[in-house]
Protein backbone atom coordinates (compact mmCIF):
# COMPACT_ATOMS: atom_id res chain seq x y z
CA UNK A 1 0.00 0.00 0.00
CA UNK A 2 1.26 3.44 -0.82
CA UNK A 3 2.09 5.73 2.07
CA UNK A 4 -0.46 8.42 2.84
CA UNK A 5 0.79 11.97 3.01
CA UNK A 6 -0.93 14.67 5.09
CA UNK A 7 -0.22 18.32 4.95
CA UNK A 8 1.53 19.86 7.93
CA UNK A 9 -1.49 22.14 8.39
CA UNK A 10 -3.91 19.22 8.78
CA UNK A 11 -1.62 17.41 11.24
CA UNK A 12 -1.25 20.58 13.30
CA UNK A 13 -5.03 21.08 13.38
CA UNK A 14 -5.58 17.48 14.49
CA UNK A 15 -3.02 17.84 17.28
CA UNK A 16 -4.62 21.05 18.48
CA UNK A 17 -8.04 19.41 18.57
CA UNK A 18 -6.64 16.47 20.58
CA UNK A 19 -5.02 18.84 23.07
CA UNK A 20 -8.29 20.74 23.42
CA UNK A 21 -10.23 17.55 24.11
CA UNK A 22 -7.70 16.37 26.68
CA UNK A 23 -7.61 19.79 28.34
CA UNK A 24 -11.41 19.82 28.58
CA UNK A 25 -11.42 16.33 30.10
CA UNK A 26 -8.78 17.36 32.64
CA UNK A 27 -10.69 20.45 33.74
CA UNK A 28 -13.87 18.43 34.14
CA UNK A 29 -12.11 15.76 36.25
CA UNK A 30 -10.64 18.30 38.72
CA UNK A 31 -14.00 19.98 39.18
CA UNK A 32 -15.61 16.58 39.62
CA UNK A 33 -13.35 15.78 42.59
CA UNK A 34 -14.07 19.12 44.22
CA UNK A 35 -17.76 19.51 43.60
CA UNK A 36 -20.43 17.46 41.91
CA UNK A 37 -21.30 18.08 38.21
CA UNK A 38 -24.47 19.85 37.16
CA UNK A 39 -27.23 17.40 36.39
CA UNK A 40 -28.33 17.04 32.75
CA UNK A 41 -31.74 15.90 31.69
CA UNK A 42 -31.80 12.23 30.65
CA UNK A 43 -31.18 11.73 26.95
CA UNK A 44 -30.03 15.33 26.38
CA UNK A 45 -26.41 15.76 25.38
CA UNK A 46 -24.47 18.74 26.63
CA UNK A 47 -23.53 21.16 23.81
CA UNK A 48 -19.94 20.87 22.68
CA UNK A 49 -17.82 24.04 22.65
CA UNK A 50 -17.34 25.61 19.25
CA UNK A 51 -13.67 26.24 19.89
CA UNK A 52 -11.07 25.15 22.43
CA UNK A 53 -12.00 26.99 25.63
CA UNK A 54 -9.63 29.40 27.28
CA UNK A 55 -8.67 28.61 30.87
CA UNK A 56 -11.52 29.83 33.08
CA UNK A 57 -10.89 32.19 35.96
CA UNK A 58 -12.39 31.33 39.37
CA UNK A 59 -15.11 33.93 38.79
CA UNK A 60 -16.03 32.33 35.46
CA UNK A 61 -16.30 28.75 36.81
CA UNK A 62 -20.00 28.03 37.32
CA UNK A 63 -21.13 26.21 40.49
CA UNK A 64 -21.29 22.50 39.80
CA UNK A 65 -23.84 20.24 41.44
CA UNK A 66 -24.37 16.53 41.07
CA UNK A 67 -24.75 13.07 42.51
CA UNK A 68 -21.24 12.12 43.59
CA UNK A 69 -21.27 10.81 47.22
CA UNK A 70 -20.20 13.38 49.80
CA UNK A 71 -16.72 13.13 51.26
CA UNK A 72 -18.14 14.24 54.60
CA UNK A 73 -20.01 17.34 55.67
CA UNK A 74 -18.60 20.48 54.07
CA UNK A 75 -19.06 22.24 57.40
CA UNK A 76 -20.73 21.49 60.72
CA UNK A 77 -20.68 25.13 61.81
CA UNK A 78 -24.44 25.63 61.54
CA UNK A 79 -25.12 22.34 63.33
CA UNK A 80 -22.63 23.05 66.10
CA UNK A 81 -23.88 26.60 66.59
CA UNK A 82 -27.31 25.32 67.53
CA UNK A 83 -25.97 22.75 69.97
CA UNK A 84 -23.12 24.43 71.81
CA UNK A 85 -25.40 26.13 74.34
CA UNK A 86 -26.85 22.76 75.42
CA UNK A 87 -23.43 21.26 76.21
CA UNK A 88 -22.02 22.16 79.62
CA UNK A 89 -18.78 21.86 81.54
CA UNK A 90 -18.96 20.17 84.91
CA UNK A 91 -16.50 20.85 87.68
CA UNK A 92 -16.50 19.04 91.00
CA UNK A 93 -14.67 19.34 94.26
CA UNK A 94 -14.13 16.82 97.00
CA UNK A 95 -12.80 17.26 100.50
CA UNK A 96 -9.96 14.84 101.14
CA UNK A 97 -8.13 14.33 104.39
CA UNK A 98 -4.48 15.24 104.14
CA UNK A 99 -3.41 11.96 105.65
CA UNK A 100 -5.13 9.99 102.87
CA UNK A 101 -2.48 8.61 100.57
CA UNK A 102 0.29 10.58 102.30
CA UNK A 103 3.14 8.79 104.01
CA UNK A 104 4.89 9.88 107.20
CA UNK A 105 7.00 13.03 107.10
CA UNK A 106 10.72 12.47 106.40
CA UNK A 107 12.98 12.35 109.45
CA UNK A 108 16.66 13.12 109.80
CA UNK A 109 18.85 10.32 111.15
CA UNK A 110 19.03 10.24 114.94
CA UNK A 111 22.06 12.11 116.18
CA UNK A 112 22.36 14.21 113.05
CA UNK A 113 23.46 17.83 113.71
CA UNK A 114 20.58 18.98 111.47
CA UNK A 115 17.92 16.86 113.16
CA UNK A 116 16.37 19.71 115.13
CA UNK A 117 16.11 22.04 112.10
CA UNK A 118 14.89 19.23 109.85
CA UNK A 119 12.07 18.17 112.18
CA UNK A 120 11.02 21.77 112.90
CA UNK A 121 10.69 22.46 109.18
CA UNK A 122 8.43 19.49 108.44
CA UNK A 123 6.35 19.99 111.58
CA UNK A 124 5.61 23.56 110.46
CA UNK A 125 4.77 22.35 106.93
CA UNK A 126 2.28 19.84 108.28
CA UNK A 127 0.79 22.28 110.73
CA UNK A 128 0.06 24.84 108.01
CA UNK A 129 -2.03 22.48 105.90
CA UNK A 130 -5.18 22.21 107.95
CA UNK A 131 -7.33 19.11 108.33
CA UNK A 132 -8.57 18.80 104.70
CA UNK A 133 -7.90 19.97 101.15
CA UNK A 134 -9.99 20.06 97.99
CA UNK A 135 -9.50 17.86 94.93
CA UNK A 136 -11.09 19.13 91.72
CA UNK A 137 -12.00 17.43 88.45
CA UNK A 138 -13.54 18.44 85.14
CA UNK A 139 -15.94 16.75 82.77
CA UNK A 140 -18.76 17.36 80.32
CA UNK A 141 -22.52 17.00 80.21
CA UNK A 142 -25.58 18.09 78.27
CA UNK A 143 -29.03 19.49 79.02
CA UNK A 144 -31.95 17.19 78.19
CA UNK A 145 -34.76 19.34 79.63
CA UNK A 146 -35.14 23.16 79.62
CA UNK A 147 -36.08 22.97 83.31
CA UNK A 148 -32.50 21.98 84.18
CA UNK A 149 -31.96 18.21 83.91
CA UNK A 150 -28.42 17.36 82.83
CA UNK A 151 -26.81 14.04 81.86
CA UNK A 152 -23.17 13.16 82.49
CA UNK A 153 -20.98 10.16 83.40
CA UNK A 154 -21.03 8.77 86.91
CA UNK A 155 -17.23 8.79 87.06
CA UNK A 156 -17.26 12.56 86.44
CA UNK A 157 -19.17 13.33 89.65
CA UNK A 158 -18.51 10.22 91.75
CA UNK A 159 -17.61 11.09 95.33
CA UNK A 160 -18.04 14.84 94.73
CA UNK A 161 -19.04 17.07 97.63
CA UNK A 162 -19.79 19.99 95.35
CA UNK A 163 -20.93 19.99 91.69
CA UNK A 164 -20.93 23.14 89.56
CA UNK A 165 -22.25 23.42 86.01
CA UNK A 166 -20.66 25.99 83.69
CA UNK A 167 -22.70 27.12 80.69
CA UNK A 168 -21.52 28.41 77.33
CA UNK A 169 -22.59 31.99 78.18
CA UNK A 170 -20.31 32.01 81.22
CA UNK A 171 -23.00 31.51 83.85
CA UNK A 172 -22.57 28.95 86.62
CA UNK A 173 -25.10 27.02 88.68
CA UNK A 174 -24.81 24.58 91.55
CA UNK A 175 -26.14 21.12 90.67
CA UNK A 176 -27.88 18.46 92.72
CA UNK A 177 -27.40 14.76 92.01
CA UNK A 178 -30.74 13.19 91.11
CA UNK A 179 -29.60 9.64 90.48
CA UNK A 180 -26.69 7.55 89.29
CA UNK A 181 -26.16 4.14 87.72
CA UNK A 182 -22.72 2.62 88.10
CA UNK A 183 -23.42 -0.26 85.70
CA UNK A 184 -23.78 2.08 82.71
CA UNK A 185 -21.68 4.92 84.20
CA UNK A 186 -24.53 7.45 83.87
CA UNK A 187 -25.78 10.17 86.20
CA UNK A 188 -28.53 12.78 86.09
CA UNK A 189 -28.07 16.23 87.66
CA UNK A 190 -30.54 19.06 88.29
CA UNK A 191 -29.92 22.80 88.29
CA UNK A 192 -32.41 25.60 88.95
CA UNK A 193 -32.15 28.10 86.07
CA UNK A 194 -33.88 31.48 86.05
CA UNK A 195 -34.89 31.00 82.42
CA UNK A 196 -35.45 27.88 80.28
CA UNK A 197 -32.23 26.29 79.09
CA UNK A 198 -31.28 25.17 75.60
CA UNK A 199 -31.82 21.39 75.52
CA UNK A 200 -31.10 18.53 73.13
CA UNK A 201 -32.94 15.25 72.64
CA UNK A 202 -31.92 11.64 72.25
CA UNK A 203 -31.88 10.04 68.80
CA UNK A 204 -32.02 6.36 67.91
CA UNK A 205 -28.52 4.91 67.93
CA UNK A 206 -29.81 1.62 66.51
CA UNK A 207 -30.27 3.38 63.16
CA UNK A 208 -26.63 4.47 62.99
CA UNK A 209 -24.33 2.57 60.68
CA UNK A 210 -20.58 2.11 60.58
CA UNK A 211 -19.25 5.01 58.53
CA UNK A 212 -21.96 7.52 59.51
CA UNK A 213 -20.69 10.97 60.45
CA UNK A 214 -20.88 12.05 64.09
CA UNK A 215 -19.87 15.12 66.07
CA UNK A 216 -18.63 15.30 69.66
CA UNK A 217 -18.82 18.42 71.83
CA UNK A 218 -17.19 18.60 75.23
CA UNK A 219 -14.63 20.00 77.61
CA UNK A 220 -11.32 18.27 76.79
CA UNK A 221 -8.49 19.31 79.13
CA UNK A 222 -10.68 22.19 80.30
CA UNK A 223 -11.13 23.73 76.84
CA UNK A 224 -14.90 24.14 76.91
CA UNK A 225 -17.05 24.09 73.81
CA UNK A 226 -14.63 21.98 71.76
CA UNK A 227 -16.12 20.39 68.64
CA UNK A 228 -14.66 17.35 66.88
CA UNK A 229 -16.00 15.38 63.92
CA UNK A 230 -15.50 11.77 62.88
CA UNK A 231 -17.36 8.65 61.91
CA UNK A 232 -18.74 5.61 63.65
CA UNK A 233 -15.91 3.11 63.52
CA UNK A 234 -17.68 0.17 65.15
CA UNK A 235 -20.79 -0.91 67.02
CA UNK A 236 -21.53 -3.28 69.87
CA UNK A 237 -18.04 -3.01 71.37
CA UNK A 238 -17.34 -4.86 74.61
CA UNK A 239 -14.53 -3.19 76.57
CA UNK A 240 -15.26 -5.00 79.86
CA UNK A 241 -16.43 -1.79 81.49
CA UNK A 242 -19.65 -3.27 82.83
CA UNK A 243 -22.31 -5.96 82.41
CA UNK A 244 -24.12 -4.11 79.61
CA UNK A 245 -21.22 -3.17 77.34
CA UNK A 246 -22.55 -2.28 73.90
CA UNK A 247 -20.42 0.76 73.06
CA UNK A 248 -20.31 2.82 69.89
CA UNK A 249 -16.71 3.23 68.72
CA UNK A 250 -15.80 6.51 67.03
CA UNK A 251 -12.69 8.16 65.66
CA UNK A 252 -13.96 11.65 66.57
CA UNK A 253 -11.31 13.04 68.90
CA UNK A 254 -12.25 12.35 72.54
CA UNK A 255 -9.87 13.30 75.34
CA UNK A 256 -9.81 13.68 79.10
CA UNK A 257 -12.63 16.04 80.01
CA UNK A 258 -14.89 14.84 77.19
CA UNK A 259 -16.40 12.26 79.54
CA UNK A 260 -20.15 12.74 79.85
CA UNK A 261 -20.39 14.84 76.71
CA UNK A 262 -22.74 14.07 73.83
CA UNK A 263 -22.05 12.36 70.52
CA UNK A 264 -24.41 13.83 67.90
CA UNK A 265 -25.63 12.54 64.57
CA UNK A 266 -25.92 14.97 61.69
CA UNK A 267 -29.50 15.78 62.74
CA UNK A 268 -28.28 17.20 66.04
CA UNK A 269 -29.64 14.29 68.07
CA UNK A 270 -27.66 12.63 70.87
CA UNK A 271 -26.90 9.07 69.81
CA UNK A 272 -24.13 8.43 72.34
CA UNK A 273 -22.55 9.61 75.59
CA UNK A 274 -18.77 9.78 75.42
CA UNK A 275 -17.35 7.63 78.18
CA UNK A 276 -13.97 6.02 77.50
CA UNK A 277 -10.94 6.04 75.23
CA UNK A 278 -8.08 3.69 74.49
CA UNK A 279 -4.88 5.68 74.76
CA UNK A 280 -1.36 4.68 75.75
CA UNK A 281 -0.45 8.37 75.96
CA UNK A 282 -3.57 9.75 77.64
CA UNK A 283 -4.57 11.68 74.51
CA UNK A 284 -6.83 10.75 71.62
CA UNK A 285 -5.54 8.16 69.18
CA UNK A 286 -8.87 7.89 67.40
CA UNK A 287 -10.42 5.11 69.47
CA UNK A 288 -13.22 6.45 71.65
CA UNK A 289 -16.32 4.80 73.08
CA UNK A 290 -19.82 6.13 73.71
CA UNK A 291 -22.78 4.63 75.55
CA UNK A 292 -25.45 4.25 72.84
CA UNK A 293 -28.65 6.20 73.27
CA UNK A 294 -30.74 3.05 72.88
CA UNK A 295 -29.30 1.96 76.24
CA UNK A 296 -28.80 5.35 77.89
CA UNK A 297 -32.21 6.90 77.23
CA UNK A 298 -34.09 4.32 79.31
CA UNK A 299 -31.60 4.54 82.18
CA UNK A 300 -31.76 8.35 82.16
CA UNK A 301 -35.56 8.32 82.21
CA UNK A 302 -35.61 5.96 85.21
CA UNK A 303 -33.08 8.10 87.07
CA UNK A 304 -35.22 11.19 86.42
CA UNK A 305 -38.43 9.53 87.60
CA UNK A 306 -37.24 7.39 90.47
CA UNK A 307 -33.69 8.49 91.28
CA UNK A 308 -32.61 4.89 90.67
CA UNK A 309 -32.78 2.16 88.06
CA UNK A 310 -35.48 -0.52 87.99
CA UNK A 311 -34.20 -3.35 85.86
CA UNK A 312 -35.79 -6.64 84.94
CA UNK A 313 -34.46 -9.80 86.55
CA UNK A 314 -34.66 -13.34 85.19
CA UNK A 315 -32.84 -15.16 87.98
CA UNK A 316 -30.61 -17.57 86.07
CA UNK A 317 -26.90 -18.26 85.83
CA UNK A 318 -25.63 -18.43 82.27
CA UNK A 319 -22.52 -19.35 80.35
CA UNK A 320 -21.46 -19.07 76.69
CA UNK A 321 -22.48 -21.63 74.09
CA UNK A 322 -19.15 -22.81 72.67
CA UNK A 323 -18.77 -24.67 69.38
CA UNK A 324 -18.37 -27.96 71.25
CA UNK A 325 -21.48 -27.35 73.35
CA UNK A 326 -23.44 -26.33 70.25
CA UNK A 327 -22.41 -29.59 68.60
CA UNK A 328 -23.39 -31.63 71.64
CA UNK A 329 -26.84 -29.97 71.64
CA UNK A 330 -27.38 -30.38 67.92
CA UNK A 331 -27.22 -26.64 67.17
CA UNK A 332 -25.99 -25.61 63.73
CA UNK A 333 -23.98 -22.71 65.16
CA UNK A 334 -22.86 -21.51 68.56
CA UNK A 335 -25.62 -19.11 69.62
CA UNK A 336 -27.75 -18.20 72.58
CA UNK A 337 -27.07 -18.31 76.32
CA UNK A 338 -26.76 -21.63 78.15
CA UNK A 339 -28.56 -21.75 81.51
CA UNK A 340 -26.15 -23.18 84.05
CA UNK A 341 -28.42 -22.76 87.04
CA UNK A 342 -31.62 -21.21 88.37
CA UNK A 343 -31.64 -18.91 91.39
CA UNK A 344 -33.79 -20.10 94.26
CA UNK A 345 -36.74 -17.80 94.79
CA UNK A 346 -36.17 -16.12 91.43
CA UNK A 347 -38.76 -15.46 88.72
CA UNK A 348 -38.10 -18.79 86.93
CA UNK A 349 -37.74 -20.99 90.00
CA UNK A 350 -41.15 -22.40 89.05
CA UNK A 351 -39.57 -24.64 86.42
CA UNK A 352 -40.40 -22.48 83.43
CA UNK A 353 -36.68 -22.32 82.63
CA UNK A 354 -34.34 -25.13 83.62
CA UNK A 355 -30.61 -25.69 83.85
CA UNK A 356 -29.44 -26.95 80.48
CA UNK A 357 -31.85 -24.80 78.47
CA UNK A 358 -30.36 -22.59 75.79
CA UNK A 359 -32.14 -19.23 75.60
CA UNK A 360 -32.40 -18.28 71.92
CA UNK A 361 -34.91 -15.41 72.05
CA UNK A 362 -36.11 -13.11 74.79
CA UNK A 363 -39.26 -11.00 74.31
CA UNK A 364 -38.88 -11.22 70.54
CA UNK A 365 -35.19 -10.25 70.55
CA UNK A 366 -32.63 -12.73 69.27
CA UNK A 367 -29.90 -13.74 71.71
CA UNK A 368 -26.90 -14.21 69.45
CA UNK A 369 -24.38 -14.63 72.25
CA UNK A 370 -24.35 -14.84 76.03
CA UNK A 371 -23.73 -11.14 76.67
CA UNK A 372 -26.86 -10.16 74.72
CA UNK A 373 -29.18 -11.69 77.32
CA UNK A 374 -28.24 -9.59 80.39
CA UNK A 375 -28.78 -6.40 78.41
CA UNK A 376 -32.21 -7.24 76.99
CA UNK A 377 -33.40 -8.59 80.34
CA UNK A 378 -32.25 -5.47 82.20
CA UNK A 379 -33.93 -3.18 79.66
CA UNK A 380 -37.27 -4.94 80.16
CA UNK A 381 -39.99 -3.62 82.45
CA UNK A 382 -40.20 -5.08 85.93
CA UNK A 383 -43.27 -7.30 86.25
CA UNK A 384 -43.66 -7.71 82.49
CA UNK A 385 -44.67 -11.13 81.18
CA UNK A 386 -42.44 -12.05 78.26
CA UNK A 387 -42.06 -14.95 75.85
CA UNK A 388 -38.73 -16.77 76.04
CA UNK A 389 -37.70 -19.22 73.31
CA UNK A 390 -35.47 -22.00 74.67
CA UNK A 391 -33.85 -25.09 73.22
CA UNK A 392 -34.73 -28.02 75.47
CA UNK A 393 -34.22 -31.71 74.69
CA UNK A 394 -33.26 -30.80 71.15
CA UNK A 395 -36.49 -28.90 70.46
CA UNK A 396 -37.40 -25.21 70.57
CA UNK A 397 -40.06 -24.29 73.11
CA UNK A 398 -41.66 -20.99 74.07
CA UNK A 399 -42.23 -20.34 77.77
CA UNK A 400 -43.79 -17.36 79.50
CA UNK A 401 -41.85 -15.64 82.26
CA UNK A 402 -42.84 -12.79 84.58
CA UNK A 403 -39.77 -10.70 85.35
CA UNK A 404 -38.69 -9.69 88.82
CA UNK A 405 -36.66 -6.65 89.77
CA UNK A 406 -32.88 -6.89 89.74
CA UNK A 407 -32.37 -4.39 92.55
CA UNK A 408 -34.57 -6.53 94.84
CA UNK A 409 -32.63 -9.70 94.08
CA UNK A 410 -29.60 -9.33 96.34
CA UNK A 411 -30.69 -11.97 98.81
CA UNK A 412 -31.93 -14.35 96.14
CA UNK A 413 -28.78 -13.99 94.10
CA UNK A 414 -26.46 -14.70 96.99
CA UNK A 415 -28.62 -17.63 98.02
CA UNK A 416 -28.46 -19.03 94.51
CA UNK A 417 -24.82 -19.87 94.72
CA UNK A 418 -23.45 -17.47 92.13
CA UNK A 419 -19.67 -17.78 92.06
CA UNK A 420 -19.12 -14.18 93.02
CA UNK A 421 -22.41 -13.51 94.76
CA UNK A 422 -23.09 -10.84 92.16
CA UNK A 423 -26.35 -9.84 90.55
CA UNK A 424 -25.04 -7.25 88.14
CA UNK A 425 -26.90 -8.09 85.01
CA UNK A 426 -30.41 -9.38 85.41
CA UNK A 427 -28.94 -12.84 85.11
CA UNK A 428 -26.02 -14.26 87.01
CA UNK A 429 -22.97 -14.70 84.83
CA UNK A 430 -19.84 -16.65 85.72
CA UNK A 431 -17.09 -14.85 87.56
CA UNK A 432 -14.60 -13.64 84.92
CA UNK A 433 -11.81 -14.94 87.12
CA UNK A 434 -13.35 -18.38 86.91
CA UNK A 435 -13.50 -20.22 83.59
CA UNK A 436 -15.23 -17.72 81.33
CA UNK A 437 -15.98 -20.33 78.71
CA UNK A 438 -16.25 -23.06 81.35
CA UNK A 439 -13.86 -25.21 79.34
CA UNK A 440 -10.56 -24.05 80.82
CA UNK A 441 -8.91 -25.77 83.76
CA UNK A 442 -10.22 -24.53 87.08
CA UNK A 443 -7.46 -23.86 89.58
CA UNK A 444 -9.85 -22.71 92.30
CA UNK A 445 -10.40 -24.37 95.62
CA UNK A 446 -14.00 -25.48 95.17
CA UNK A 447 -13.11 -29.17 95.19
CA UNK A 448 -10.80 -29.00 98.20
CA UNK A 449 -11.78 -31.10 101.22
CA UNK A 450 -13.54 -29.31 104.04
CA UNK A 451 -11.50 -28.38 107.10
CA UNK A 452 -10.99 -31.42 109.26
CA UNK A 453 -11.84 -33.89 106.49
CA UNK A 454 -9.33 -36.66 105.70
CA UNK A 455 -6.86 -35.57 103.07
CA UNK A 456 -7.14 -37.39 99.73
CA UNK A 457 -4.25 -39.42 98.39
CA UNK A 458 -1.29 -37.35 97.35
CA UNK A 459 -1.39 -38.84 93.83
CA UNK A 460 -3.20 -35.94 92.10
CA UNK A 461 -5.72 -35.76 94.95
CA UNK A 462 -7.36 -39.03 93.92
CA UNK A 463 -9.18 -41.46 96.19
CA UNK A 464 -10.43 -44.98 95.68
CA UNK A 465 -13.71 -45.22 97.59
CA UNK A 466 -14.82 -48.56 98.91
CA UNK A 467 -18.42 -48.05 97.80
CA UNK A 468 -17.86 -49.15 94.19
CA UNK A 469 -15.18 -49.92 91.69
CA UNK A 470 -14.51 -46.82 89.57
CA UNK A 471 -15.82 -46.87 86.01
CA UNK A 472 -13.58 -45.38 83.33
CA UNK A 473 -15.42 -43.11 80.85
CA UNK A 474 -13.99 -40.27 78.73
CA UNK A 475 -10.72 -40.45 80.66
CA UNK A 476 -12.60 -40.20 83.96
CA UNK A 477 -12.72 -42.64 86.85
CA UNK A 478 -16.29 -42.46 88.16
CA UNK A 479 -17.89 -43.70 91.35
CA UNK A 480 -21.17 -43.54 93.21
CA UNK A 481 -21.47 -40.72 95.69
CA UNK A 482 -21.06 -42.13 99.18
CA UNK A 483 -20.52 -40.69 102.64
CA UNK A 484 -16.83 -41.45 102.20
CA UNK A 485 -16.45 -39.59 98.90
CA UNK A 486 -18.54 -36.67 100.14
CA UNK A 487 -16.30 -36.38 103.17
CA UNK A 488 -13.07 -36.82 101.19
CA UNK A 489 -13.91 -34.16 98.62
CA UNK A 490 -16.07 -31.93 100.82
CA UNK A 491 -19.12 -32.41 98.59
CA UNK A 492 -22.29 -30.83 99.93
CA UNK A 493 -25.30 -33.02 100.75
CA UNK A 494 -27.39 -31.06 98.23
CA UNK A 495 -25.19 -32.26 95.36
CA UNK A 496 -26.24 -35.48 93.66
CA UNK A 497 -24.89 -37.45 90.72
CA UNK A 498 -21.71 -39.39 89.92
CA UNK A 499 -18.40 -38.31 91.42
CA UNK A 500 -15.15 -38.02 89.47
CA UNK A 501 -12.40 -39.71 91.47
CA UNK A 502 -9.59 -39.55 88.91
CA UNK A 503 -8.83 -37.73 85.66
CA UNK A 504 -6.39 -39.22 83.15
CA UNK A 505 -3.60 -36.74 82.40
CA UNK A 506 -3.72 -35.48 78.82
CA UNK A 507 -7.28 -36.72 78.27
CA UNK A 508 -10.01 -34.59 76.68
CA UNK A 509 -11.68 -34.32 80.09
CA UNK A 510 -8.47 -33.00 81.64
CA UNK A 511 -8.14 -30.43 78.88
CA UNK A 512 -11.69 -29.29 79.59
CA UNK A 513 -10.85 -28.63 83.22
CA UNK A 514 -12.52 -31.58 84.95
CA UNK A 515 -10.87 -32.65 88.18
CA UNK A 516 -11.32 -35.11 91.04
CA UNK A 517 -14.23 -34.08 93.24
CA UNK A 518 -16.37 -32.80 90.38
CA UNK A 519 -19.81 -34.37 90.19
CA UNK A 520 -21.47 -35.32 86.89
CA UNK A 521 -25.13 -34.42 87.37
CA UNK A 522 -26.39 -34.85 83.80
CA UNK A 523 -25.18 -36.12 80.46
CA UNK A 524 -27.06 -34.71 77.43
CA UNK A 525 -29.72 -33.31 79.81
CA UNK A 526 -30.37 -36.70 81.40
CA UNK A 527 -29.78 -37.19 85.14
CA UNK A 528 -27.03 -39.67 86.01
CA UNK A 529 -27.52 -42.05 88.93
CA UNK A 530 -24.50 -44.31 88.48
CA UNK A 531 -21.21 -44.68 86.60
CA UNK A 532 -22.88 -47.36 84.43
CA UNK A 533 -25.54 -44.83 83.42
CA UNK A 534 -22.83 -42.38 82.33
CA UNK A 535 -21.08 -45.07 80.27
CA UNK A 536 -24.35 -46.14 78.63
CA UNK A 537 -25.35 -42.58 77.75
CA UNK A 538 -21.95 -41.80 76.24
CA UNK A 539 -22.15 -45.00 74.16
CA UNK A 540 -25.63 -43.98 72.98
CA UNK A 541 -24.42 -40.54 71.95
CA UNK A 542 -21.59 -42.09 69.94
CA UNK A 543 -24.06 -44.32 68.13
CA UNK A 544 -26.15 -41.25 67.27
CA UNK A 545 -23.12 -39.71 65.62
CA UNK A 546 -22.52 -37.03 68.25
CA UNK A 547 -18.93 -35.83 68.54
CA UNK A 548 -19.24 -34.27 72.01
CA UNK A 549 -20.94 -35.25 75.23
CA UNK A 550 -22.53 -32.36 77.13
CA UNK A 551 -21.95 -32.79 80.86
CA UNK A 552 -23.60 -30.82 83.64
CA UNK A 553 -20.90 -30.57 86.29
CA UNK A 554 -21.46 -29.60 89.92
CA UNK A 555 -18.60 -28.35 92.05
CA UNK A 556 -18.27 -29.44 95.65
CA UNK A 557 -20.46 -26.58 96.88
CA UNK A 558 -23.11 -27.08 94.20
CA UNK A 559 -22.20 -24.49 91.57
CA UNK A 560 -23.16 -25.80 88.15
CA UNK A 561 -21.50 -25.47 84.78
CA UNK A 562 -21.71 -27.24 81.43
CA UNK A 563 -18.75 -28.82 79.68
CA UNK A 564 -18.72 -30.43 76.24
CA UNK A 565 -16.17 -33.27 76.19
CA UNK A 566 -15.07 -34.73 72.83
CA UNK A 567 -15.84 -38.46 72.53
CA UNK A 568 -13.06 -39.33 70.07
């Protein structure tokens, strides 16, 4: 083919046109990143320029609008301006005795030539102090009612003898403590203003999603009226701060002094109360935590009305459902809360809920994991009759339960044999210092013989009772409970079942924390009367294709727990 020749003029014109097209595309792309393009009617093409455009000056660039997602709020100035007056600084003072936390005054060595002057100096220093001195602290809060109700953190005002609220306009008012809740770290204060105050309202934190923009206002390091902006980084965080941990995590800067301040959504509603940060240095590293409004609003309302909380109480001890336990129960996945015991005199002591049940739903709310149950129970109304869905004998059942009041349950909880005597969460959860998943070795002293009882053999604390020959199952030597074994292991008369007299080292049972003196009460929710019954039930489970045997284990004093032991 013959080469094609083009005139220099035509090549130059083509190059100029290409440059113009590229220049136009470049200008459009920069504007696109800064602002959104102007919308064009569907099917209508934008007119092309008749000639290559000259570079536009800022005054000539038209405002561009469009549908590109926002890169965050352009400004929160208008939003903040309407909220700043409702956020307050809280200062407290506390009288502390000078001898609290202070060691003895230094003394010069006896015989020193400076001893007289040294002692005189420190005696005068101590004499000039007086009996007490004030300790001050700063925090944040926000007004929820124009009549003067203010919300803050309990740790901001805890132990304070004097509470003063500082407003954005510079005015100050003395505050009275209306009520406090240590479990959620919330308190409600009351001031007496001469005129109605600017107030904010709670929003619904359950509607917030990870990535939503939020704004925090508070008093960090004493700099009142500080505004920071960020996003929701996580939801449902458990930082082991209390029994109802369900924190919102945010990267909005939160520092010391922000405690008790509000976390707003972009509607100006309070969706969280800033409470804690993770910080090796003491300053913000972008990991802050807020109590969600879905939890806080109910607590605040109770504190306003009654000066205290009135939480629902179920009266059960629970433990997590591990993968092994789920398999032993026939559950597809590990979910729910496993009932390890029922508190005597509690709301479900009538047999409506039994040890070994797995609570899957409570009052229509799904219990995905153990820590969900205490929260939903506590948020329920005292005296309310609720439907509880449980897994029992491999089948789901719905039972009706009338809730008691947690704050009235002190005596019942302690009488129920909770490991720590606590009643923090509407249900009784295992002591975190004990086996949290109930599958780790227990190094406690529950199985130790009672004072004065004969000491067991020194070989791993094992005994060979005369009542029956031990039966070996799952690496366990089992025997009937007898007066001799009860005395040797200090097992209470109220405990019944089959006693473990020996555990094979390295066995699956040993790895799961079983030890001599434990009592097998049930296997797969069936009561065990003898070692032969345990062996027969384990054999039956193997024939059914089960990989784990679920054991209800009683400690020497009667505390119950469930352990899933592999049957390989």
